[in-house]
């Protein structure tokens, strides 16, 4: 991801108000998390864009590359509560969302909230849990509330799930269906650090995460989320997003193209990206930059395309190349 421009922008006599330090706060959070997750600034930026777009993030990667560190450092940086849920085959939906427990002293059932009741939730190895437990998490993500014994309880705000899954070739996993993958605004991989960053990881002391301090708070994050919703998108850019979705549905390499939800999620993500660059308007380049992380996990590739060595990112790239981007904003 590239650097941002100066904050503030106006067209004619209309100026979209946004917290003047939006881009500065964004950079401060990224800098803070980067002290823990070395050499992965672009991944941190994408994760934070996902949070500011009021979405959820899916990380597909092998164990040990920093997924827990990312979630914990992000939560600390924005002064929010966080929980980690280790998904296993025997994990029950009630272990995630909570359950009503009989209180002998009060002689009634009291609801005991599950770990989903946190601002930032790391759902680790989600594809090791049963489909029923996966659905409990994903429904809470979508509805941002939990219903138990006829009572609906709202989840805290902001609410951001970072779900991880092992690559599908690993044994003992339940692959998420396409309809569930569509719930995540982005999918990214962290990857192994480069040599220099790995040396820094070995050199740093073991309490570096404990020394991390907040650089903002939950209320500021909520204001930033609200500000991203006011970022302008002209009709030509909206049309560009829709054209990409329509082209995916006709692509010969895809069994399943992009849903209307994908278009909505891409629009939300690029608004957040523009705000982090200090702009109150979206450009076609914003769409191009986020197309792969926002769209690639939502398509189903035909077997013939896979055997020819094509991946989802390759096909999204082809689609981008086949659609003329609008000029200007």
Protein backbone atom coordinates (compact mmCIF):
# COMPACT_ATOMS: atom_id res chain seq x y z
CA UNK A 1 0.00 0.00 0.00
CA UNK A 2 1.24 3.45 -0.80
CA UNK A 3 1.60 6.58 1.31
CA UNK A 4 -1.28 8.99 1.75
CA UNK A 5 -1.76 12.50 0.48
CA UNK A 6 -2.47 15.57 2.57
CA UNK A 7 -5.69 15.35 4.55
CA UNK A 8 -8.80 17.14 3.39
CA UNK A 9 -10.33 17.65 -0.02
CA UNK A 10 -13.17 19.66 -1.50
CA UNK A 11 -15.11 19.80 -4.72
CA UNK A 12 -16.86 23.05 -5.58
CA UNK A 13 -18.33 24.46 -2.38
CA UNK A 14 -18.90 21.06 -0.77
CA UNK A 15 -16.37 19.69 1.70
CA UNK A 16 -16.74 16.29 3.35
CA UNK A 17 -15.81 16.58 7.00
CA UNK A 18 -13.51 13.91 8.37
CA UNK A 19 -11.41 13.85 11.52
CA UNK A 20 -8.43 16.00 10.48
CA UNK A 21 -5.97 13.47 11.90
CA UNK A 22 -7.52 10.41 10.24
CA UNK A 23 -4.46 9.52 8.15
CA UNK A 24 -2.12 10.38 11.01
CA UNK A 25 -3.96 8.12 13.45
CA UNK A 26 -3.95 5.34 10.86
CA UNK A 27 -0.18 5.64 10.41
CA UNK A 28 0.37 5.74 14.18
CA UNK A 29 -1.55 2.49 14.64
CA UNK A 30 0.34 0.81 11.80
CA UNK A 31 3.68 2.01 13.20
CA UNK A 32 2.76 0.70 16.63
CA UNK A 33 1.73 -2.76 15.41
CA UNK A 34 4.83 -2.90 13.19
CA UNK A 35 7.04 -2.92 16.29
CA UNK A 36 5.58 -6.36 17.06
CA UNK A 37 4.89 -7.78 13.59
CA UNK A 38 8.16 -7.02 11.81
CA UNK A 39 8.41 -6.58 8.06
CA UNK A 40 4.66 -6.91 7.43
CA UNK A 41 3.49 -3.30 7.13
CA UNK A 42 1.29 -3.95 4.09
CA UNK A 43 -0.56 -6.75 5.92
CA UNK A 44 -1.07 -4.53 8.96
CA UNK A 45 -2.43 -1.76 6.74
CA UNK A 46 -4.88 -4.15 5.07
CA UNK A 47 -6.06 -5.45 8.44
CA UNK A 48 -6.65 -1.91 9.68
CA UNK A 49 -8.49 -0.97 6.48
CA UNK A 50 -10.73 -3.99 7.13
CA UNK A 51 -11.46 -2.73 10.65
CA UNK A 52 -12.19 0.81 9.46
CA UNK A 53 -14.46 -0.57 6.72
CA UNK A 54 -16.44 -2.27 9.51
CA UNK A 55 -15.70 -5.70 8.08
CA UNK A 56 -13.90 -8.86 9.13
CA UNK A 57 -10.59 -10.34 8.03
CA UNK A 58 -9.64 -13.86 6.95
CA UNK A 59 -6.00 -14.91 7.10
CA UNK A 60 -5.03 -18.11 5.33
CA UNK A 61 -1.55 -19.13 6.38
CA UNK A 62 0.57 -21.69 8.17
CA UNK A 63 1.00 -21.58 11.97
CA UNK A 64 3.67 -19.42 13.55
CA UNK A 65 3.78 -16.41 11.22
CA UNK A 66 2.30 -13.84 13.61
CA UNK A 67 -1.49 -14.05 13.40
CA UNK A 68 -1.97 -13.90 17.17
CA UNK A 69 0.59 -11.10 17.47
CA UNK A 70 -1.30 -9.10 14.84
CA UNK A 71 -4.65 -9.40 16.62
CA UNK A 72 -3.25 -8.69 20.09
CA UNK A 73 -1.10 -5.75 18.97
CA UNK A 74 -3.97 -4.22 17.00
CA UNK A 75 -6.31 -4.51 19.99
CA UNK A 76 -3.71 -2.95 22.30
CA UNK A 77 -3.00 -0.13 19.85
CA UNK A 78 -6.67 0.89 19.71
CA UNK A 79 -7.27 0.24 23.44
CA UNK A 80 -9.93 -2.41 22.82
CA UNK A 81 -10.77 -5.73 24.43
CA UNK A 82 -9.68 -8.86 22.62
CA UNK A 83 -10.18 -12.62 22.85
CA UNK A 84 -8.63 -15.62 21.14
CA UNK A 85 -10.75 -18.66 20.34
CA UNK A 86 -8.88 -21.82 19.39
CA UNK A 87 -11.18 -23.75 17.07
CA UNK A 88 -11.09 -27.54 17.41
CA UNK A 89 -13.37 -30.35 16.19
CA UNK A 90 -15.06 -30.63 19.62
CA UNK A 91 -15.71 -26.88 20.07
CA UNK A 92 -19.42 -26.18 20.53
CA UNK A 93 -21.38 -23.09 19.40
CA UNK A 94 -22.01 -22.26 23.07
CA UNK A 95 -18.24 -22.21 23.64
CA UNK A 96 -18.11 -19.31 21.18
CA UNK A 97 -21.23 -17.24 21.85
CA UNK A 98 -21.98 -18.18 25.46
CA UNK A 99 -24.76 -20.01 27.26
CA UNK A 100 -27.24 -19.69 30.11
CA UNK A 101 -25.92 -21.31 33.30
CA UNK A 102 -28.01 -22.18 36.34
CA UNK A 103 -27.13 -20.02 39.34
CA UNK A 104 -27.80 -21.89 42.58
CA UNK A 105 -27.53 -18.71 44.67
CA UNK A 106 -29.93 -16.70 42.49
CA UNK A 107 -32.08 -19.71 41.56
CA UNK A 108 -32.24 -18.76 37.93
CA UNK A 109 -30.38 -19.10 34.66
CA UNK A 110 -27.83 -16.35 34.02
CA UNK A 111 -26.24 -15.78 30.65
CA UNK A 112 -22.48 -16.23 30.62
CA UNK A 113 -21.12 -14.45 27.55
CA UNK A 114 -18.66 -16.33 25.38
CA UNK A 115 -15.37 -15.00 24.01
CA UNK A 116 -17.19 -13.53 21.01
CA UNK A 117 -18.10 -10.60 23.31
CA UNK A 118 -14.92 -8.63 22.66
CA UNK A 119 -13.98 -5.80 20.32
CA UNK A 120 -11.37 -7.81 18.46
CA UNK A 121 -11.69 -11.59 18.26
CA UNK A 122 -9.05 -13.93 16.87
CA UNK A 123 -10.85 -17.03 15.61
CA UNK A 124 -7.83 -19.27 15.21
CA UNK A 125 -7.92 -22.19 12.77
CA UNK A 126 -11.60 -21.75 12.06
CA UNK A 127 -11.55 -24.56 9.51
CA UNK A 128 -10.76 -27.11 12.25
CA UNK A 129 -14.20 -26.64 13.84
CA UNK A 130 -17.40 -28.35 12.77
CA UNK A 131 -19.61 -26.54 10.24
CA UNK A 132 -22.20 -25.94 12.99
CA UNK A 133 -19.68 -24.10 15.17
CA UNK A 134 -18.34 -22.19 12.17
CA UNK A 135 -21.88 -21.05 11.42
CA UNK A 136 -22.38 -19.79 14.98
CA UNK A 137 -19.36 -17.52 14.61
CA UNK A 138 -20.22 -16.36 11.13
CA UNK A 139 -23.83 -15.57 12.05
CA UNK A 140 -22.62 -13.47 14.99
CA UNK A 141 -20.23 -11.69 12.62
CA UNK A 142 -23.02 -10.91 10.19
CA UNK A 143 -25.70 -9.91 12.69
CA UNK A 144 -23.32 -8.37 15.27
CA UNK A 145 -25.54 -9.81 17.96
CA UNK A 146 -26.16 -13.09 19.74
CA UNK A 147 -29.57 -14.55 20.58
CA UNK A 148 -29.85 -17.00 23.47
CA UNK A 149 -33.00 -18.23 25.20
CA UNK A 150 -35.06 -15.69 23.29
CA UNK A 151 -32.93 -12.73 24.36
CA UNK A 152 -30.84 -10.79 21.85
CA UNK A 153 -27.57 -9.30 23.07
CA UNK A 154 -25.59 -6.83 21.02
CA UNK A 155 -21.90 -7.40 20.50
CA UNK A 156 -19.52 -4.57 21.46
CA UNK A 157 -18.53 -1.84 19.03
CA UNK A 158 -16.22 -1.77 17.24
CA UNK A 159 -16.42 -5.49 16.48
CA UNK A 160 -13.73 -7.05 14.31
CA UNK A 161 -13.09 -10.74 13.76
CA UNK A 162 -9.73 -11.93 12.48
CA UNK A 163 -10.31 -15.54 11.46
CA UNK A 164 -7.46 -17.79 10.43
CA UNK A 165 -7.47 -21.01 8.54
CA UNK A 166 -4.78 -23.45 7.58
CA UNK A 167 -4.18 -24.12 3.89
CA UNK A 168 -6.71 -26.69 2.65
CA UNK A 169 -4.03 -29.31 2.01
CA UNK A 170 -3.53 -29.67 5.79
CA UNK A 171 -5.31 -32.68 7.28
CA UNK A 172 -8.21 -32.41 9.71
CA UNK A 173 -9.84 -29.31 8.29
CA UNK A 174 -13.38 -28.40 7.21
CA UNK A 175 -13.18 -26.04 4.26
CA UNK A 176 -15.40 -22.97 4.57
CA UNK A 177 -18.12 -22.89 1.89
CA UNK A 178 -18.19 -19.99 -0.55
CA UNK A 179 -21.27 -18.49 1.11
CA UNK A 180 -19.34 -18.23 4.38
CA UNK A 181 -16.13 -16.94 2.80
CA UNK A 182 -18.23 -14.12 1.35
CA UNK A 183 -18.75 -12.78 4.89
CA UNK A 184 -15.12 -11.63 5.12
CA UNK A 185 -14.28 -8.26 3.62
CA UNK A 186 -10.74 -9.39 2.82
CA UNK A 187 -8.51 -12.43 2.75
CA UNK A 188 -4.77 -11.99 3.18
CA UNK A 189 -1.75 -14.11 3.97
CA UNK A 190 1.01 -12.94 6.28
CA UNK A 191 3.78 -15.11 4.87
CA UNK A 192 7.20 -15.76 6.28
CA UNK A 193 9.30 -12.73 7.23
CA UNK A 194 12.30 -11.78 5.15
CA UNK A 195 15.76 -12.55 6.54
CA UNK A 196 16.32 -9.10 8.05
CA UNK A 197 12.94 -9.08 9.79
CA UNK A 198 13.46 -12.59 11.14
CA UNK A 199 16.83 -11.57 12.59
CA UNK A 200 15.07 -8.62 14.29
CA UNK A 201 12.46 -11.02 15.69
CA UNK A 202 15.23 -13.13 17.25
CA UNK A 203 16.97 -10.04 18.59
CA UNK A 204 14.01 -8.36 20.26
CA UNK A 205 13.29 -9.14 23.90
CA UNK A 206 10.37 -11.29 24.92
CA UNK A 207 8.40 -8.45 26.54
CA UNK A 208 8.07 -6.26 23.43
CA UNK A 209 4.33 -6.94 23.18
CA UNK A 210 3.85 -6.14 26.87
CA UNK A 211 5.45 -2.73 26.32
CA UNK A 212 3.04 -1.79 23.56
CA UNK A 213 0.90 1.22 24.45
CA UNK A 214 -2.42 2.40 22.95
CA UNK A 215 -2.22 5.19 20.38
CA UNK A 216 -5.99 5.78 20.17
CA UNK A 217 -9.20 4.35 21.62
CA UNK A 218 -12.42 2.62 20.65
CA UNK A 219 -14.41 5.86 20.42
CA UNK A 220 -11.93 7.29 17.92
CA UNK A 221 -12.09 4.10 15.85
CA UNK A 222 -15.89 4.37 15.76
CA UNK A 223 -15.61 7.97 14.57
CA UNK A 224 -13.17 6.87 11.87
CA UNK A 225 -15.53 4.09 10.74
CA UNK A 226 -18.32 6.67 10.50
CA UNK A 227 -16.05 8.99 8.53
CA UNK A 228 -15.22 6.32 5.94
CA UNK A 229 -18.92 5.97 5.16
CA UNK A 230 -18.96 9.62 4.05
CA UNK A 231 -16.14 9.22 1.52
CA UNK A 232 -17.53 10.04 -1.92
CA UNK A 233 -17.71 7.63 -4.82
CA UNK A 234 -18.77 8.97 -8.21
CA UNK A 235 -21.03 7.02 -10.55
CA UNK A 236 -18.20 6.07 -12.89
CA UNK A 237 -16.30 4.32 -10.07
CA UNK A 238 -19.47 2.58 -8.90
CA UNK A 239 -20.01 1.42 -12.47
CA UNK A 240 -16.41 0.18 -12.62
CA UNK A 241 -16.96 -2.01 -9.55
CA UNK A 242 -20.19 -3.42 -10.99
CA UNK A 243 -18.50 -4.07 -14.35
CA UNK A 244 -15.81 -6.11 -12.59
CA UNK A 245 -18.47 -8.20 -10.87
CA UNK A 246 -20.38 -8.78 -14.10
CA UNK A 247 -17.20 -9.75 -15.94
CA UNK A 248 -16.43 -12.36 -13.28
CA UNK A 249 -19.79 -14.03 -13.89
CA UNK A 250 -18.91 -14.46 -17.57
CA UNK A 251 -15.28 -15.50 -17.11
CA UNK A 252 -14.66 -18.98 -18.57
CA UNK A 253 -12.26 -19.88 -15.77
CA UNK A 254 -14.82 -19.37 -13.01
CA UNK A 255 -17.54 -21.71 -11.85
CA UNK A 256 -18.92 -19.01 -9.57
CA UNK A 257 -18.42 -15.29 -10.05
CA UNK A 258 -18.78 -12.36 -7.70
CA UNK A 259 -22.02 -11.74 -5.82
CA UNK A 260 -23.60 -8.32 -5.26
CA UNK A 261 -22.28 -8.60 -1.69
CA UNK A 262 -18.76 -8.60 -3.16
CA UNK A 263 -19.45 -5.28 -4.90
CA UNK A 264 -20.77 -3.77 -1.66
CA UNK A 265 -17.78 -5.01 0.32
CA UNK A 266 -15.32 -3.67 -2.26
CA UNK A 267 -17.03 -0.27 -2.16
CA UNK A 268 -16.75 -0.19 1.64
CA UNK A 269 -13.11 -1.21 1.58
CA UNK A 270 -12.02 1.36 -1.00
CA UNK A 271 -13.79 4.14 0.90
CA UNK A 272 -11.76 3.21 3.97
CA UNK A 273 -8.57 3.04 1.91
CA UNK A 274 -9.17 6.50 0.44
CA UNK A 275 -9.67 7.95 3.93
CA UNK A 276 -6.36 6.48 5.10
CA UNK A 277 -4.73 8.35 2.22
CA UNK A 278 -6.23 11.64 3.40
CA UNK A 279 -8.84 11.78 0.63
CA UNK A 280 -12.60 12.16 0.78
CA UNK A 281 -13.13 10.53 -2.61
CA UNK A 282 -12.40 7.14 -4.16
CA UNK A 283 -10.26 6.69 -7.27
CA UNK A 284 -10.15 3.79 -9.75
CA UNK A 285 -6.65 3.04 -8.47
CA UNK A 286 -8.12 2.36 -5.02
CA UNK A 287 -10.36 -0.26 -6.61
CA UNK A 288 -7.43 -1.85 -8.44
CA UNK A 289 -5.32 -1.94 -5.29
CA UNK A 290 -7.89 -3.78 -3.19
CA UNK A 291 -9.47 -5.95 -5.89
CA UNK A 292 -7.43 -9.07 -5.14
CA UNK A 293 -7.61 -9.09 -1.31
CA UNK A 294 -11.32 -8.21 -1.36
CA UNK A 295 -12.47 -10.33 -4.30
CA UNK A 296 -10.21 -13.35 -4.84
CA UNK A 297 -11.63 -15.49 -2.01
CA UNK A 298 -15.20 -15.03 -3.27
CA UNK A 299 -14.87 -16.81 -6.61
CA UNK A 300 -14.90 -20.53 -7.42
CA UNK A 301 -12.36 -21.59 -10.03
CA UNK A 302 -13.17 -24.27 -12.61
CA UNK A 303 -11.09 -27.42 -12.40
CA UNK A 304 -9.75 -26.85 -15.90
CA UNK A 305 -8.34 -23.47 -14.88
CA UNK A 306 -6.72 -24.96 -11.78
CA UNK A 307 -5.01 -27.67 -13.82
CA UNK A 308 -3.59 -24.96 -16.08
CA UNK A 309 -2.04 -23.29 -13.04
CA UNK A 310 -4.48 -20.40 -12.63
CA UNK A 311 -5.34 -19.12 -9.17
CA UNK A 312 -8.10 -16.78 -8.03
CA UNK A 313 -5.71 -13.83 -7.90
CA UNK A 314 -4.63 -14.51 -11.48
CA UNK A 315 -8.21 -14.47 -12.72
CA UNK A 316 -9.09 -11.30 -10.79
CA UNK A 317 -6.02 -9.75 -12.42
CA UNK A 318 -7.26 -10.84 -15.85
CA UNK A 319 -10.65 -9.28 -15.17
CA UNK A 320 -9.02 -6.03 -14.08
CA UNK A 321 -7.05 -6.00 -17.31
CA UNK A 322 -10.16 -6.58 -19.41
CA UNK A 323 -12.23 -3.69 -18.00
CA UNK A 324 -11.29 -0.11 -18.84
CA UNK A 325 -10.98 1.98 -15.69
CA UNK A 326 -12.75 5.34 -15.70
CA UNK A 327 -10.56 8.40 -15.95
CA UNK A 328 -10.25 10.92 -13.13
CA UNK A 329 -12.09 10.37 -9.86
